[in-house]
Protein backbone atom coordinates (compact mmCIF):
# COMPACT_ATOMS: atom_id res chain seq x y z
CA MET A 1 51.62 14.56 0.49
CA GLY A 2 48.65 16.21 2.23
CA ARG A 3 49.43 19.53 0.48
CA CYS A 4 49.56 17.82 -2.96
CA MET A 5 46.16 16.12 -2.27
CA THR A 6 44.56 19.54 -1.26
CA ILE A 7 45.71 20.97 -4.49
CA PHE A 8 44.63 18.19 -6.51
CA LEU A 9 41.07 18.37 -4.87
CA MET A 10 40.83 22.08 -5.59
CA ILE A 11 41.79 21.64 -9.08
CA LEU A 12 39.25 18.46 -9.61
CA GLY A 13 36.50 20.98 -8.10
CA LEU A 14 37.30 23.65 -10.63
CA LEU A 15 36.96 20.89 -13.40
CA ILE A 16 33.46 19.70 -12.21
CA PRO A 17 30.65 21.39 -14.07
CA GLY A 18 28.31 23.40 -12.31
CA LYS A 19 25.47 21.18 -13.75
CA ALA A 20 26.88 18.08 -12.23
CA ILE A 21 27.11 19.77 -8.66
CA ALA A 22 23.49 20.54 -9.02
CA ALA A 23 22.38 17.26 -10.13
CA ALA A 24 24.04 15.95 -6.90
CA ALA A 25 21.88 18.01 -4.80
CA PRO A 26 18.64 16.35 -3.32
CA ALA A 27 15.57 17.56 -5.09
CA LYS A 28 13.53 20.17 -3.35
CA SER A 29 10.04 18.97 -2.40
CA VAL A 30 7.09 21.33 -2.14
CA ILE A 31 4.90 19.49 0.34
CA ALA A 32 1.00 20.82 0.30
CA HIS A 33 -1.88 19.96 2.62
CA ALA A 34 -5.60 20.53 2.08
CA ALA A 35 -6.84 20.75 5.65
CA VAL A 36 -5.98 22.51 8.73
CA ASN A 37 -6.57 20.23 11.70
CA ALA A 38 -4.89 18.36 14.36
CA ARG A 39 -4.25 15.58 11.60
CA VAL A 40 -1.48 17.62 10.15
CA LEU A 41 0.63 17.56 13.20
CA PRO A 42 2.95 14.97 11.73
CA LEU A 43 4.02 17.70 8.99
CA TRP A 44 4.23 20.59 11.46
CA ALA A 45 6.34 18.68 13.89
CA ALA A 46 8.83 17.62 11.34
CA LYS A 47 9.28 21.22 10.29
CA GLU A 48 9.44 22.58 13.79
CA GLN A 49 11.74 19.70 15.23
CA GLY A 50 14.13 19.86 12.32
CA PHE A 51 13.67 16.40 11.06
CA PHE A 52 13.32 17.36 7.39
CA SER A 53 16.76 19.17 7.53
CA LYS A 54 18.09 16.16 9.34
CA TYR A 55 17.53 13.79 6.85
CA GLY A 56 18.63 16.24 4.07
CA VAL A 57 15.14 16.84 2.42
CA PRO A 58 14.92 20.43 1.26
CA THR A 59 11.01 21.32 1.59
CA GLU A 60 8.62 24.07 1.39
CA MET A 61 5.05 23.57 3.15
CA ILE A 62 2.22 25.08 1.84
CA PHE A 63 -1.55 24.98 2.48
CA ILE A 64 -4.08 24.37 -0.50
CA ARG A 65 -7.71 24.85 0.54
CA GLN A 66 -9.24 22.14 -1.32
CA ALA A 67 -8.07 18.60 -2.05
CA PRO A 68 -9.07 18.73 -5.89
CA THR A 69 -6.86 21.77 -6.30
CA LEU A 70 -3.94 20.11 -4.58
CA VAL A 71 -4.56 17.02 -6.76
CA ALA A 72 -4.15 19.27 -9.64
CA ALA A 73 -1.02 20.80 -8.66
CA LEU A 74 0.34 17.30 -8.01
CA THR A 75 -0.41 16.10 -11.42
CA SER A 76 0.77 19.46 -13.03
CA GLY A 77 4.18 19.33 -11.10
CA ASP A 78 3.63 22.51 -9.24
CA ILE A 79 4.08 20.72 -6.00
CA GLN A 80 5.81 17.34 -5.60
CA ILE A 81 4.23 15.81 -2.34
CA GLY A 82 0.56 15.80 -1.06
CA TYR A 83 -0.42 15.37 2.30
CA THR A 84 -4.04 13.96 1.53
CA GLY A 85 -6.41 11.24 1.34
CA GLY A 86 -7.54 8.18 -0.67
CA THR A 87 -10.33 9.91 -2.16
CA ALA A 88 -8.39 12.53 -3.88
CA VAL A 89 -6.03 9.82 -5.25
CA LEU A 90 -8.78 7.70 -6.46
CA GLY A 91 -10.47 10.63 -8.27
CA ALA A 92 -7.32 11.53 -10.03
CA ALA A 93 -6.39 7.84 -11.01
CA ALA A 94 -10.04 7.67 -12.62
CA SER A 95 -8.93 10.59 -14.88
CA GLY A 96 -5.54 9.25 -15.84
CA SER A 97 -3.17 10.49 -13.27
CA ASP A 98 -0.45 8.41 -11.96
CA LEU A 99 -0.35 9.58 -8.40
CA LYS A 100 0.96 7.04 -5.83
CA ILE A 101 0.37 6.70 -2.31
CA LEU A 102 3.53 6.17 -0.22
CA ALA A 103 2.33 5.96 3.08
CA ALA A 104 -1.18 6.42 4.94
CA PHE A 105 -1.29 7.67 8.41
CA THR A 106 -4.92 6.90 9.06
CA ASN A 107 -6.46 3.76 7.76
CA ARG A 108 -9.54 3.58 9.50
CA VAL A 109 -12.58 5.63 10.39
CA THR A 110 -12.13 7.57 13.43
CA TYR A 111 -15.26 9.73 13.93
CA ASP A 112 -17.78 9.62 16.61
CA VAL A 113 -21.45 9.33 15.69
CA VAL A 114 -23.12 11.95 17.72
CA ALA A 115 -26.97 12.51 17.88
CA ARG A 116 -29.43 15.33 19.09
CA LYS A 117 -31.00 14.81 22.52
CA GLY A 118 -33.56 12.34 22.44
CA ILE A 119 -31.97 9.84 20.36
CA LYS A 120 -30.70 6.78 22.14
CA THR A 121 -30.05 3.96 20.02
CA PRO A 122 -28.90 3.44 16.25
CA GLU A 123 -32.48 2.18 15.61
CA ASP A 124 -33.85 5.68 16.41
CA LEU A 125 -32.06 6.92 13.11
CA ARG A 126 -34.71 5.66 10.93
CA GLY A 127 -36.55 8.36 9.18
CA LYS A 128 -33.91 11.02 10.50
CA ILE A 129 -31.59 13.56 8.89
CA PHE A 130 -27.79 12.80 8.94
CA GLY A 131 -25.69 15.84 8.41
CA VAL A 132 -22.37 15.73 6.35
CA GLN A 133 -19.74 18.15 4.91
CA SER A 134 -20.29 17.57 1.36
CA ILE A 135 -22.04 14.59 -0.49
CA GLY A 136 -19.27 12.43 -1.73
CA GLY A 137 -16.75 13.56 0.54
CA THR A 138 -14.74 11.95 3.63
CA VAL A 139 -17.40 12.96 6.23
CA TRP A 140 -20.08 11.56 3.76
CA MET A 141 -18.35 8.17 3.55
CA GLY A 142 -17.92 8.12 7.27
CA ALA A 143 -21.50 8.64 7.67
CA ILE A 144 -22.08 5.85 5.12
CA LEU A 145 -20.01 3.54 6.89
CA ALA A 146 -21.34 4.26 10.14
CA LEU A 147 -24.78 3.38 8.98
CA GLU A 148 -23.59 0.15 7.50
CA HIS A 149 -21.86 -0.29 10.97
CA PHE A 150 -25.37 -0.16 12.52
CA GLY A 151 -27.02 -2.35 9.90
CA LEU A 152 -28.64 0.67 8.47
CA ASP A 153 -29.31 1.64 4.92
CA PRO A 154 -30.21 5.12 3.88
CA ASN A 155 -32.63 4.30 1.14
CA ARG A 156 -34.45 1.34 2.96
CA ASP A 157 -34.62 3.07 6.41
CA LYS A 158 -35.42 6.55 4.86
CA ILE A 159 -32.35 8.37 6.50
CA SER A 160 -31.71 11.63 4.43
CA LEU A 161 -27.93 12.77 4.05
CA ILE A 162 -27.79 16.53 3.70
CA ALA A 163 -24.86 18.71 3.02
CA ALA A 164 -24.67 21.27 6.01
CA GLY A 165 -21.12 22.28 6.13
CA ASP A 166 -17.90 21.98 7.88
CA GLN A 167 -17.60 20.20 11.43
CA SER A 168 -18.28 23.29 13.33
CA VAL A 169 -21.28 23.89 11.48
CA LEU A 170 -22.37 20.43 11.63
CA ALA A 171 -22.20 20.44 15.34
CA GLN A 172 -24.09 23.74 15.48
CA ALA A 173 -26.77 22.23 13.38
CA LEU A 174 -27.08 19.50 15.76
CA VAL A 175 -27.59 21.95 18.65
CA THR A 176 -30.21 23.86 16.73
CA GLY A 177 -32.08 20.62 15.61
CA THR A 178 -31.58 21.37 11.90
CA ILE A 179 -30.14 17.70 11.71
CA ASP A 180 -30.65 14.82 14.06
CA VAL A 181 -27.17 13.00 13.55
CA THR A 182 -23.75 13.37 12.38
CA VAL A 183 -19.97 12.20 12.52
CA LEU A 184 -17.47 14.46 14.31
CA ASP A 185 -13.88 14.13 15.08
CA GLY A 186 -13.49 13.66 18.91
CA VAL A 187 -12.08 17.42 19.43
CA MET A 188 -15.66 18.39 18.42
CA SER A 189 -17.58 15.66 19.73
CA ARG A 190 -16.39 15.73 23.47
CA THR A 191 -17.95 19.13 24.09
CA LEU A 192 -21.29 17.92 22.76
CA ARG A 193 -20.87 14.72 25.00
CA GLU A 194 -20.32 17.14 28.01
CA ASN A 195 -23.62 18.75 27.19
CA GLY A 196 -25.80 15.63 27.08
CA TYR A 197 -25.69 14.76 23.40
CA PRO A 198 -25.62 11.17 22.98
CA ILE A 199 -22.39 9.27 21.34
CA LEU A 200 -24.09 6.37 19.54
CA ALA A 201 -20.49 4.92 18.61
CA GLU A 202 -16.93 5.75 18.66
CA LEU A 203 -15.88 4.48 15.15
CA SER A 204 -12.40 4.34 16.14
CA LYS A 205 -12.70 1.34 18.06
CA ALA A 206 -14.88 -0.45 15.35
CA ASN A 207 -11.68 -0.60 13.01
CA ILE A 208 -13.64 -0.03 9.81
CA PRO A 209 -11.12 0.42 6.97
CA ILE A 210 -10.79 3.74 5.23
CA THR A 211 -7.58 5.26 3.65
CA SER A 212 -7.58 8.74 5.03
CA VAL A 213 -4.71 11.23 5.10
CA GLY A 214 -1.16 10.27 3.65
CA ILE A 215 1.83 11.05 1.64
CA VAL A 216 1.12 11.12 -2.06
CA ALA A 217 3.33 11.78 -5.05
CA LYS A 218 3.27 11.39 -8.79
CA GLY A 219 5.12 8.11 -10.11
CA SER A 220 7.53 9.98 -12.20
CA PHE A 221 8.57 11.88 -9.23
CA ILE A 222 9.25 8.82 -6.98
CA ASP A 223 11.23 7.19 -9.98
CA LYS A 224 13.49 10.12 -10.56
CA ASN A 225 14.07 10.95 -6.73
CA PRO A 226 13.87 7.61 -4.72
CA GLN A 227 16.40 9.04 -2.20
CA THR A 228 14.41 12.17 -1.49
CA VAL A 229 11.28 10.19 -0.96
CA GLU A 230 12.97 7.73 1.15
CA ASN A 231 14.49 10.51 3.28
CA LEU A 232 11.03 12.37 3.39
CA LEU A 233 9.44 9.33 4.78
CA ARG A 234 12.38 9.01 7.33
CA ALA A 235 11.63 12.59 8.55
CA LEU A 236 7.92 11.88 8.92
CA LEU A 237 8.16 8.39 10.63
CA GLU A 238 10.34 10.13 13.10
CA SER A 239 8.00 13.11 13.60
CA GLU A 240 5.30 10.58 14.27
CA ALA A 241 7.61 8.76 16.90
CA PHE A 242 8.17 12.20 18.43
CA ILE A 243 4.59 12.98 18.73
CA PHE A 244 3.69 9.48 20.33
CA GLY A 245 6.61 10.02 22.66
CA PRO A 246 5.05 10.80 26.28
CA ALA A 247 7.88 13.04 27.05
CA ASN A 248 6.98 15.34 24.12
CA LYS A 249 3.26 15.74 24.59
CA GLY A 250 3.80 19.33 25.75
CA THR A 251 5.84 20.27 22.65
CA ALA A 252 3.41 18.50 20.30
CA MET A 253 0.45 20.56 21.97
CA ALA A 254 2.50 23.94 21.68
CA ILE A 255 2.78 23.10 17.84
CA LEU A 256 -0.90 22.62 17.64
CA LYS A 257 -1.53 26.02 19.31
CA LYS A 258 0.99 27.58 17.00
CA TYR A 259 -0.53 26.38 13.72
CA LEU A 260 -4.21 26.21 14.79
CA ARG A 261 -4.29 29.25 17.10
CA ILE A 262 -6.02 27.33 19.67
CA ASN A 263 -6.17 27.18 23.56
CA ASP A 264 -4.81 24.63 26.05
CA GLN A 265 -7.99 22.65 26.17
CA GLU A 266 -8.54 22.62 22.57
CA ALA A 267 -4.79 21.69 21.96
CA GLU A 268 -5.27 18.77 24.54
CA GLU A 269 -8.35 17.48 22.73
CA GLY A 270 -6.49 18.08 19.54
CA TYR A 271 -3.66 16.00 20.57
CA LYS A 272 -5.93 12.94 21.86
CA ASP A 273 -7.41 12.90 18.30
CA VAL A 274 -4.06 12.57 16.74
CA ILE A 275 -2.78 10.08 19.05
CA THR A 276 -6.17 8.02 18.46
CA GLY A 277 -6.14 8.26 14.69
CA LEU A 278 -2.46 7.80 13.88
CA ASP A 279 -1.28 4.37 12.63
CA ARG A 280 2.17 3.76 14.18
CA LYS A 281 3.05 2.10 11.04
CA PRO A 282 1.24 3.98 8.35
CA HIS A 283 1.56 1.27 5.55
CA ALA A 284 -1.45 2.08 3.17
CA SER A 285 -4.30 -0.26 3.48
CA LEU A 286 -5.71 -1.82 0.35
CA ALA A 287 -8.87 -2.63 2.38
CA GLY A 288 -9.23 1.02 3.19
CA LEU A 289 -8.89 2.08 -0.36
CA ARG A 290 -11.42 -0.45 -1.63
CA ASN A 291 -13.94 0.81 0.90
CA VAL A 292 -13.19 4.24 -0.45
CA GLN A 293 -13.57 3.09 -4.11
CA ARG A 294 -16.94 1.28 -3.26
CA LEU A 295 -18.53 4.27 -2.00
CA MET A 296 -16.85 6.96 -4.64
CA LYS A 297 -18.24 4.70 -7.49
CA LEU A 298 -21.83 5.28 -6.49
CA ARG A 299 -21.17 9.01 -7.61
CA ASN A 300 -18.23 8.47 -10.23
CA PRO A 301 -18.69 5.12 -11.99
CA ASN A 302 -15.15 5.77 -13.81
CA VAL A 303 -13.69 4.79 -10.21
CA GLU A 304 -14.51 1.21 -10.68
CA LYS A 305 -11.86 0.70 -13.38
CA VAL A 306 -9.04 1.85 -11.33
CA LYS A 307 -7.04 -1.13 -9.63
CA VAL A 308 -6.37 -0.07 -6.00
CA GLU A 309 -3.21 -2.19 -5.94
CA ASP A 310 -1.73 0.21 -8.42
CA LEU A 311 -2.12 3.20 -6.46
CA VAL A 312 0.11 2.07 -3.77
CA ASP A 313 3.91 2.28 -3.88
CA ASP A 314 5.01 0.69 -0.64
CA ARG A 315 8.49 -0.31 -1.37
CA PHE A 316 9.93 2.34 0.76
CA MET A 317 7.68 1.93 3.88
CA LYS A 318 8.48 -1.88 3.58
CA LYS A 319 12.17 -1.01 3.44
CA LEU A 320 12.21 1.35 6.61
CA ASP A 321 9.87 -1.04 8.34
CA GLN A 322 12.06 -4.20 7.74
CA SER A 323 15.33 -2.52 8.50
CA GLY A 324 13.88 -1.63 11.96
CA PHE A 325 14.13 2.01 11.35
CA ILE A 326 10.27 2.34 12.63
CA ASP A 327 10.79 0.52 15.80
CA GLU A 328 14.28 2.33 16.41
CA MET A 329 12.23 5.50 16.40
CA TYR A 330 9.75 4.49 18.73
CA ALA A 331 12.33 3.20 21.22
CA LYS A 332 14.23 6.23 20.88
CA TYR A 333 11.03 8.17 22.09
CA GLY A 334 10.17 5.95 24.69
CA VAL A 335 7.10 4.55 23.11
CA LYS A 336 6.01 1.19 24.08
């Protein structure tokens, strides 16, 4: 009987067309990220710890230098998954793209507001120069939201926002006195704090909504490959739980050192930023998207026409959360 069944299965295998076999295989996903900083750790850890393979998601990870280029590649189908923020998705949606946010790992502003020596309170910022990376970008939004948090208005209080460069350039501009204040990730602000530069606010404690880095894909790709999408999210959710696991701090820091080529102290600071910034249950925040939309429309009126509710596809995150999968992952890695 066993031999007959074996022969039957062999014959059946010969009769199945090659195309049918290929169709049963999971869709390959090219994941792209547009930043190289500690916040990319969930992606890197998922690859290094084999979580993509564990959940049967064939993936290739690439770096694309600018978010608009990443979005263009998503829209054209050259890549399938983007690790990017709400700003990029809203901009694309205003142009007719069908990009959807599947999960958002950071849903609040996490910058520190750092000022030059001599500035002691937010009120001292009136008439000063606020340095940002680019006008309209994420750092610029953080600056505007920080000023709102302080009850300040750039126009009324004559605060000039100027584009000065990335965070390392902004930190140097603060030291040289080219700017008076800026917003920085903790990994950059801690060194300045140690050297006497005042931290006017740690915005991570203020719970100001903004949709930052998350998982994005075209609606058409999601609809055609729901199991691939779900398995991808499973891999990333386990990766996040792994990162939070107390016993895995050393491994997480080693991954940061490998990808960022930094020393032990810098890896320690980067790890602190990740733990502070990541949401344990990365559901996309509509309040965060509305904040992004409100600020973006100052420079792109078309953004106002976008319904932010249409940008989020949360069915997979809801399923994984309600099934207990996320809680199981945190329990697995000893996270309380």
